[in-house]
Amino acid sequence: MAILGVVVYHFGWDLSFFGFASPDMMFSEPVIIFARALAGSFMFLAGVSLVLAHGNGVRWRKFRQRLAKVAAAAAVISIVTFTACLQDTDLQAKVVATQERGQSEFGVDSTPTFFVNGKRYVGALSPEEMSAVIEANL
């Protein structure tokens, strides 16, 4: 059931990413709730599997083997995804266009840069400073 949930979530993400659905779809409240429930179910199932595997005490050798397999799989997925991202010239062009638009239209020349009601704030603001800016504009 959890695998089906992941397939459904990522299918929706792909539809949105490739322009077949609204880009905002993945940030709608029902989808966010679904994603959190899905992540929560995976965390719960991971805990159950650990209890079942180590109910009578932790078997460290098996635990380290499993951890190594999971870490290796995560590393492979990260490397493949990162490499694909670096080779995506369309994405690179969009990032550059967005950066240039930020510079030319909004005067963004550093990060972080915040805009509140059209006024630009450059640099890292402390939580107190950010709260004061927001409160002043409510």
N, C-alpha and C. Protein backbone atom coordinates (compact mmCIF):
# COMPACT_ATOMS: atom_id res chain seq x y z
N MET A 1 0.82 -1.19 0.00
CA MET A 1 0.00 0.00 0.00
C MET A 1 0.87 1.26 0.00
N ALA A 2 1.95 1.22 0.80
CA ALA A 2 2.84 2.37 0.87
C ALA A 2 3.50 2.63 -0.48
N ILE A 3 3.89 1.57 -1.16
CA ILE A 3 4.52 1.72 -2.48
C ILE A 3 3.54 2.36 -3.45
N LEU A 4 2.28 1.96 -3.41
CA LEU A 4 1.26 2.56 -4.27
C LEU A 4 1.14 4.05 -3.98
N GLY A 5 1.18 4.42 -2.71
CA GLY A 5 1.13 5.84 -2.34
C GLY A 5 2.28 6.62 -2.93
N VAL A 6 3.48 6.05 -2.88
CA VAL A 6 4.66 6.72 -3.45
C VAL A 6 4.50 6.87 -4.96
N VAL A 7 4.01 5.83 -5.62
CA VAL A 7 3.80 5.89 -7.07
C VAL A 7 2.81 7.00 -7.41
N VAL A 8 1.70 7.07 -6.68
CA VAL A 8 0.69 8.10 -6.93
C VAL A 8 1.28 9.49 -6.71
N TYR A 9 1.99 9.68 -5.60
CA TYR A 9 2.58 10.99 -5.30
C TYR A 9 3.56 11.41 -6.39
N HIS A 10 4.47 10.52 -6.75
CA HIS A 10 5.48 10.88 -7.74
C HIS A 10 4.90 11.03 -9.14
N PHE A 11 3.83 10.32 -9.45
CA PHE A 11 3.15 10.51 -10.73
C PHE A 11 2.58 11.93 -10.79
N GLY A 12 1.97 12.37 -9.71
CA GLY A 12 1.47 13.74 -9.65
C GLY A 12 2.59 14.75 -9.77
N TRP A 13 3.71 14.47 -9.10
CA TRP A 13 4.87 15.37 -9.18
C TRP A 13 5.38 15.45 -10.62
N ASP A 14 5.49 14.32 -11.28
CA ASP A 14 5.96 14.30 -12.67
C ASP A 14 5.00 15.04 -13.58
N LEU A 15 3.69 14.85 -13.40
CA LEU A 15 2.72 15.59 -14.21
C LEU A 15 2.91 17.09 -14.05
N SER A 16 3.12 17.52 -12.83
CA SER A 16 3.33 18.93 -12.55
C SER A 16 4.65 19.41 -13.14
N PHE A 17 5.72 18.63 -12.94
CA PHE A 17 7.05 19.02 -13.40
C PHE A 17 7.11 19.15 -14.92
N PHE A 18 6.46 18.24 -15.63
CA PHE A 18 6.52 18.25 -17.08
C PHE A 18 5.42 19.09 -17.72
N GLY A 19 4.67 19.83 -16.93
CA GLY A 19 3.71 20.78 -17.46
C GLY A 19 2.36 20.21 -17.83
N PHE A 20 2.06 18.98 -17.44
CA PHE A 20 0.76 18.39 -17.74
C PHE A 20 -0.28 18.70 -16.67
N ALA A 21 0.17 19.28 -15.57
CA ALA A 21 -0.72 19.71 -14.49
C ALA A 21 -0.17 21.03 -13.94
N SER A 22 -0.99 21.73 -13.22
CA SER A 22 -0.59 23.02 -12.65
C SER A 22 0.63 22.86 -11.75
N PRO A 23 1.61 23.77 -11.88
CA PRO A 23 2.78 23.71 -11.00
C PRO A 23 2.40 23.83 -9.52
N ASP A 24 1.29 24.49 -9.24
CA ASP A 24 0.86 24.68 -7.86
C ASP A 24 0.18 23.44 -7.27
N MET A 25 -0.13 22.47 -8.12
CA MET A 25 -0.86 21.29 -7.66
C MET A 25 -0.15 20.60 -6.50
N MET A 26 1.16 20.48 -6.58
CA MET A 26 1.89 19.74 -5.56
C MET A 26 1.99 20.50 -4.24
N PHE A 27 1.58 21.76 -4.24
CA PHE A 27 1.63 22.56 -3.03
C PHE A 27 0.24 22.83 -2.46
N SER A 28 -0.75 22.13 -3.01
CA SER A 28 -2.11 22.28 -2.48
C SER A 28 -2.22 21.54 -1.15
N GLU A 29 -3.14 21.97 -0.32
CA GLU A 29 -3.27 21.39 1.02
C GLU A 29 -3.52 19.88 1.00
N PRO A 30 -4.41 19.37 0.14
CA PRO A 30 -4.62 17.91 0.14
C PRO A 30 -3.36 17.12 -0.22
N VAL A 31 -2.58 17.64 -1.17
CA VAL A 31 -1.37 16.92 -1.58
C VAL A 31 -0.32 16.99 -0.47
N ILE A 32 -0.21 18.12 0.20
CA ILE A 32 0.74 18.23 1.31
C ILE A 32 0.36 17.28 2.44
N ILE A 33 -0.92 17.20 2.75
CA ILE A 33 -1.38 16.27 3.80
C ILE A 33 -1.08 14.83 3.38
N PHE A 34 -1.34 14.51 2.11
CA PHE A 34 -1.06 13.16 1.59
C PHE A 34 0.43 12.85 1.71
N ALA A 35 1.28 13.80 1.32
CA ALA A 35 2.73 13.58 1.37
C ALA A 35 3.20 13.36 2.81
N ARG A 36 2.67 14.15 3.74
CA ARG A 36 3.07 14.00 5.14
C ARG A 36 2.59 12.67 5.71
N ALA A 37 1.37 12.28 5.35
CA ALA A 37 0.85 10.98 5.81
C ALA A 37 1.69 9.85 5.24
N LEU A 38 2.08 9.99 3.99
CA LEU A 38 2.90 8.98 3.34
C LEU A 38 4.26 8.86 4.03
N ALA A 39 4.90 10.01 4.27
CA ALA A 39 6.20 10.00 4.96
C ALA A 39 6.05 9.43 6.37
N GLY A 40 4.98 9.79 7.04
CA GLY A 40 4.74 9.27 8.38
C GLY A 40 4.54 7.76 8.38
N SER A 41 3.83 7.25 7.37
CA SER A 41 3.62 5.80 7.30
C SER A 41 4.94 5.08 7.07
N PHE A 42 5.82 5.67 6.26
CA PHE A 42 7.13 5.05 6.04
C PHE A 42 7.95 5.05 7.33
N MET A 43 7.89 6.14 8.08
CA MET A 43 8.62 6.19 9.35
C MET A 43 8.08 5.13 10.31
N PHE A 44 6.77 5.01 10.37
CA PHE A 44 6.14 4.01 11.25
C PHE A 44 6.56 2.60 10.83
N LEU A 45 6.48 2.32 9.53
CA LEU A 45 6.84 0.98 9.05
C LEU A 45 8.32 0.69 9.26
N ALA A 46 9.16 1.71 9.14
CA ALA A 46 10.59 1.50 9.41
C ALA A 46 10.79 1.13 10.88
N GLY A 47 10.06 1.80 11.76
CA GLY A 47 10.14 1.47 13.18
C GLY A 47 9.66 0.06 13.48
N VAL A 48 8.54 -0.33 12.86
CA VAL A 48 8.02 -1.69 13.04
C VAL A 48 9.03 -2.71 12.56
N SER A 49 9.64 -2.45 11.41
CA SER A 49 10.61 -3.42 10.88
C SER A 49 11.83 -3.53 11.79
N LEU A 50 12.25 -2.41 12.40
CA LEU A 50 13.37 -2.48 13.34
C LEU A 50 13.02 -3.29 14.58
N VAL A 51 11.80 -3.10 15.09
CA VAL A 51 11.36 -3.88 16.26
C VAL A 51 11.31 -5.36 15.91
N LEU A 52 10.75 -5.68 14.74
CA LEU A 52 10.67 -7.09 14.33
C LEU A 52 12.06 -7.69 14.14
N ALA A 53 12.97 -6.91 13.58
CA ALA A 53 14.31 -7.43 13.31
C ALA A 53 15.16 -7.53 14.57
N HIS A 54 14.91 -6.64 15.54
CA HIS A 54 15.78 -6.58 16.72
C HIS A 54 14.99 -6.67 18.02
N GLY A 55 13.85 -7.34 18.00
CA GLY A 55 12.99 -7.42 19.17
C GLY A 55 13.66 -7.99 20.41
N ASN A 56 14.59 -8.91 20.25
CA ASN A 56 15.26 -9.54 21.39
C ASN A 56 16.62 -8.94 21.66
N GLY A 57 16.87 -7.76 21.14
CA GLY A 57 18.17 -7.10 21.30
C GLY A 57 18.75 -6.78 19.94
N VAL A 58 19.48 -5.71 19.89
CA VAL A 58 20.04 -5.26 18.62
C VAL A 58 21.14 -6.20 18.17
N ARG A 59 21.00 -6.66 16.96
CA ARG A 59 22.05 -7.47 16.33
C ARG A 59 22.87 -6.51 15.48
N TRP A 60 23.94 -5.99 16.06
CA TRP A 60 24.69 -4.90 15.47
C TRP A 60 25.26 -5.24 14.09
N ARG A 61 25.72 -6.44 13.90
CA ARG A 61 26.29 -6.81 12.59
C ARG A 61 25.23 -6.67 11.50
N LYS A 62 24.06 -7.25 11.73
CA LYS A 62 22.97 -7.16 10.74
C LYS A 62 22.50 -5.72 10.59
N PHE A 63 22.46 -4.98 11.70
CA PHE A 63 22.04 -3.58 11.65
C PHE A 63 22.98 -2.77 10.77
N ARG A 64 24.29 -2.94 10.96
CA ARG A 64 25.26 -2.20 10.15
C ARG A 64 25.19 -2.60 8.68
N GLN A 65 24.97 -3.89 8.41
CA GLN A 65 24.83 -4.33 7.01
C GLN A 65 23.62 -3.66 6.36
N ARG A 66 22.51 -3.65 7.06
CA ARG A 66 21.29 -3.02 6.51
C ARG A 66 21.50 -1.52 6.32
N LEU A 67 22.11 -0.88 7.31
CA LEU A 67 22.39 0.55 7.21
C LEU A 67 23.28 0.85 6.02
N ALA A 68 24.29 0.03 5.81
CA ALA A 68 25.20 0.22 4.67
C ALA A 68 24.45 0.09 3.34
N LYS A 69 23.55 -0.88 3.24
CA LYS A 69 22.77 -1.05 2.01
C LYS A 69 21.87 0.16 1.75
N VAL A 70 21.19 0.62 2.79
CA VAL A 70 20.29 1.77 2.64
C VAL A 70 21.10 3.02 2.28
N ALA A 71 22.23 3.23 2.95
CA ALA A 71 23.06 4.40 2.67
C ALA A 71 23.62 4.34 1.25
N ALA A 72 24.04 3.17 0.81
CA ALA A 72 24.57 3.03 -0.55
C ALA A 72 23.48 3.31 -1.58
N ALA A 73 22.28 2.79 -1.35
CA ALA A 73 21.18 3.05 -2.29
C ALA A 73 20.84 4.53 -2.34
N ALA A 74 20.81 5.18 -1.17
CA ALA A 74 20.52 6.62 -1.13
C ALA A 74 21.61 7.41 -1.85
N ALA A 75 22.86 7.01 -1.66
CA ALA A 75 23.97 7.70 -2.33
C ALA A 75 23.88 7.55 -3.85
N VAL A 76 23.56 6.35 -4.32
CA VAL A 76 23.43 6.12 -5.76
C VAL A 76 22.31 6.98 -6.33
N ILE A 77 21.16 7.00 -5.67
CA ILE A 77 20.04 7.81 -6.15
C ILE A 77 20.42 9.28 -6.17
N SER A 78 21.09 9.76 -5.12
CA SER A 78 21.50 11.16 -5.06
C SER A 78 22.48 11.51 -6.17
N ILE A 79 23.44 10.64 -6.41
CA ILE A 79 24.44 10.89 -7.46
C ILE A 79 23.78 10.92 -8.83
N VAL A 80 22.90 9.97 -9.10
CA VAL A 80 22.22 9.91 -10.40
C VAL A 80 21.35 11.15 -10.59
N THR A 81 20.60 11.52 -9.57
CA THR A 81 19.73 12.69 -9.66
C THR A 81 20.55 13.96 -9.85
N PHE A 82 21.62 14.12 -9.09
CA PHE A 82 22.48 15.29 -9.18
C PHE A 82 23.12 15.38 -10.57
N THR A 83 23.60 14.26 -11.08
CA THR A 83 24.21 14.23 -12.41
C THR A 83 23.19 14.61 -13.49
N ALA A 84 22.00 14.06 -13.38
CA ALA A 84 20.94 14.39 -14.35
C ALA A 84 20.61 15.87 -14.29
N CYS A 85 20.57 16.42 -13.09
CA CYS A 85 20.27 17.85 -12.93
C CYS A 85 21.36 18.70 -13.60
N LEU A 86 22.62 18.33 -13.41
CA LEU A 86 23.72 19.09 -14.00
C LEU A 86 23.70 19.03 -15.53
N GLN A 87 23.18 17.95 -16.08
CA GLN A 87 23.17 17.78 -17.54
C GLN A 87 21.90 18.33 -18.19
N ASP A 88 20.96 18.81 -17.40
CA ASP A 88 19.68 19.32 -17.91
C ASP A 88 19.86 20.76 -18.37
N THR A 89 20.15 20.95 -19.66
CA THR A 89 20.41 22.29 -20.19
C THR A 89 19.16 23.17 -20.18
N ASP A 90 17.98 22.57 -20.32
CA ASP A 90 16.74 23.36 -20.25
C ASP A 90 16.57 23.94 -18.85
N LEU A 91 16.81 23.12 -17.84
CA LEU A 91 16.70 23.59 -16.47
C LEU A 91 17.74 24.67 -16.19
N GLN A 92 18.95 24.47 -16.69
CA GLN A 92 20.00 25.46 -16.50
C GLN A 92 19.60 26.79 -17.12
N ALA A 93 19.03 26.75 -18.32
CA ALA A 93 18.59 27.98 -18.98
C ALA A 93 17.50 28.68 -18.17
N LYS A 94 16.59 27.91 -17.59
CA LYS A 94 15.52 28.50 -16.77
C LYS A 94 16.09 29.15 -15.51
N VAL A 95 17.07 28.50 -14.89
CA VAL A 95 17.69 29.05 -13.69
C VAL A 95 18.40 30.36 -14.02
N VAL A 96 19.15 30.37 -15.11
CA VAL A 96 19.87 31.58 -15.52
C VAL A 96 18.89 32.69 -15.86
N ALA A 97 17.81 32.36 -16.58
CA ALA A 97 16.80 33.37 -16.93
C ALA A 97 16.16 33.95 -15.67
N THR A 98 15.88 33.11 -14.70
CA THR A 98 15.28 33.58 -13.44
C THR A 98 16.26 34.47 -12.69
N GLN A 99 17.53 34.09 -12.68
CA GLN A 99 18.55 34.90 -12.01
C GLN A 99 18.67 36.27 -12.69
N GLU A 100 18.72 36.27 -14.02
CA GLU A 100 18.83 37.53 -14.76
C GLU A 100 17.61 38.41 -14.55
N ARG A 101 16.42 37.80 -14.51
CA ARG A 101 15.19 38.56 -14.27
C ARG A 101 15.22 39.17 -12.86
N GLY A 102 15.67 38.39 -11.90
CA GLY A 102 15.78 38.90 -10.54
C GLY A 102 16.71 40.10 -10.45
N GLN A 103 17.81 40.03 -11.20
CA GLN A 103 18.76 41.14 -11.20
C GLN A 103 18.20 42.36 -11.91
N SER A 104 17.65 42.15 -13.10
CA SER A 104 17.21 43.30 -13.91
C SER A 104 15.91 43.92 -13.43
N GLU A 105 14.93 43.09 -13.04
CA GLU A 105 13.62 43.63 -12.67
C GLU A 105 13.49 43.99 -11.20
N PHE A 106 14.23 43.29 -10.34
CA PHE A 106 14.02 43.48 -8.91
C PHE A 106 15.27 43.93 -8.16
N GLY A 107 16.40 44.02 -8.85
CA GLY A 107 17.62 44.47 -8.20
C GLY A 107 18.22 43.47 -7.23
N VAL A 108 17.93 42.20 -7.43
CA VAL A 108 18.49 41.17 -6.55
C VAL A 108 19.93 40.91 -6.99
N ASP A 109 20.86 41.20 -6.08
CA ASP A 109 22.27 40.99 -6.43
C ASP A 109 22.99 40.14 -5.38
N SER A 110 22.23 39.64 -4.41
CA SER A 110 22.83 38.78 -3.40
C SER A 110 21.74 37.95 -2.73
N THR A 111 22.19 36.94 -2.02
CA THR A 111 21.24 36.15 -1.24
C THR A 111 21.69 36.19 0.21
N PRO A 112 20.78 36.24 1.11
CA PRO A 112 19.34 36.31 0.87
C PRO A 112 18.88 37.73 0.58
N THR A 113 17.85 37.84 -0.22
CA THR A 113 17.15 39.09 -0.47
C THR A 113 15.67 38.82 -0.27
N PHE A 114 15.03 39.62 0.56
CA PHE A 114 13.61 39.45 0.86
C PHE A 114 12.84 40.64 0.34
N PHE A 115 11.59 40.39 -0.06
CA PHE A 115 10.68 41.45 -0.44
C PHE A 115 9.43 41.34 0.42
N VAL A 116 9.09 42.44 1.06
CA VAL A 116 7.85 42.50 1.84
C VAL A 116 7.09 43.72 1.37
N ASN A 117 5.92 43.47 0.79
CA ASN A 117 5.09 44.54 0.22
C ASN A 117 5.89 45.41 -0.75
N GLY A 118 6.73 44.78 -1.54
CA GLY A 118 7.47 45.48 -2.58
C GLY A 118 8.76 46.13 -2.12
N LYS A 119 9.03 46.16 -0.83
CA LYS A 119 10.27 46.75 -0.33
C LYS A 119 11.33 45.66 -0.19
N ARG A 120 12.54 45.98 -0.65
CA ARG A 120 13.63 45.01 -0.67
C ARG A 120 14.45 45.08 0.61
N TYR A 121 14.77 43.90 1.15
CA TYR A 121 15.63 43.78 2.32
C TYR A 121 16.77 42.83 1.94
N VAL A 122 18.00 43.34 2.05
CA VAL A 122 19.17 42.56 1.63
C VAL A 122 19.91 42.06 2.86
N GLY A 123 20.34 40.83 2.79
CA GLY A 123 21.13 40.25 3.87
C GLY A 123 20.30 39.41 4.81
N ALA A 124 21.00 38.68 5.64
CA ALA A 124 20.33 37.81 6.60
C ALA A 124 19.76 38.65 7.73
N LEU A 125 18.45 38.58 7.88
CA LEU A 125 17.79 39.28 8.98
C LEU A 125 17.62 38.30 10.14
N SER A 126 17.79 38.80 11.33
CA SER A 126 17.55 37.95 12.50
C SER A 126 16.05 37.68 12.58
N PRO A 127 15.65 36.66 13.31
CA PRO A 127 14.21 36.41 13.45
C PRO A 127 13.46 37.62 14.00
N GLU A 128 14.08 38.34 14.92
CA GLU A 128 13.45 39.53 15.48
C GLU A 128 13.28 40.62 14.42
N GLU A 129 14.33 40.84 13.60
CA GLU A 129 14.25 41.84 12.53
C GLU A 129 13.19 41.45 11.50
N MET A 130 13.16 40.17 11.12
CA MET A 130 12.16 39.71 10.15
C MET A 130 10.76 39.88 10.72
N SER A 131 10.57 39.54 11.99
CA SER A 131 9.26 39.71 12.62
C SER A 131 8.84 41.17 12.63
N ALA A 132 9.78 42.07 12.93
CA ALA A 132 9.47 43.50 12.95
C ALA A 132 9.06 43.99 11.56
N VAL A 133 9.76 43.54 10.53
CA VAL A 133 9.42 43.93 9.16
C VAL A 133 8.02 43.43 8.80
N ILE A 134 7.74 42.19 9.12
CA ILE A 134 6.43 41.62 8.79
C ILE A 134 5.33 42.31 9.58
N GLU A 135 5.54 42.49 10.88
CA GLU A 135 4.53 43.15 11.72
C GLU A 135 4.24 44.56 11.23
N ALA A 136 5.26 45.28 10.80
CA ALA A 136 5.08 46.65 10.31
C ALA A 136 4.27 46.69 9.03
N ASN A 137 4.20 45.58 8.32
CA ASN A 137 3.50 45.56 7.03
C ASN A 137 2.16 44.83 7.08
N LEU A 138 1.71 44.46 8.26
CA LEU A 138 0.41 43.78 8.37
C LEU A 138 -0.72 44.78 8.34
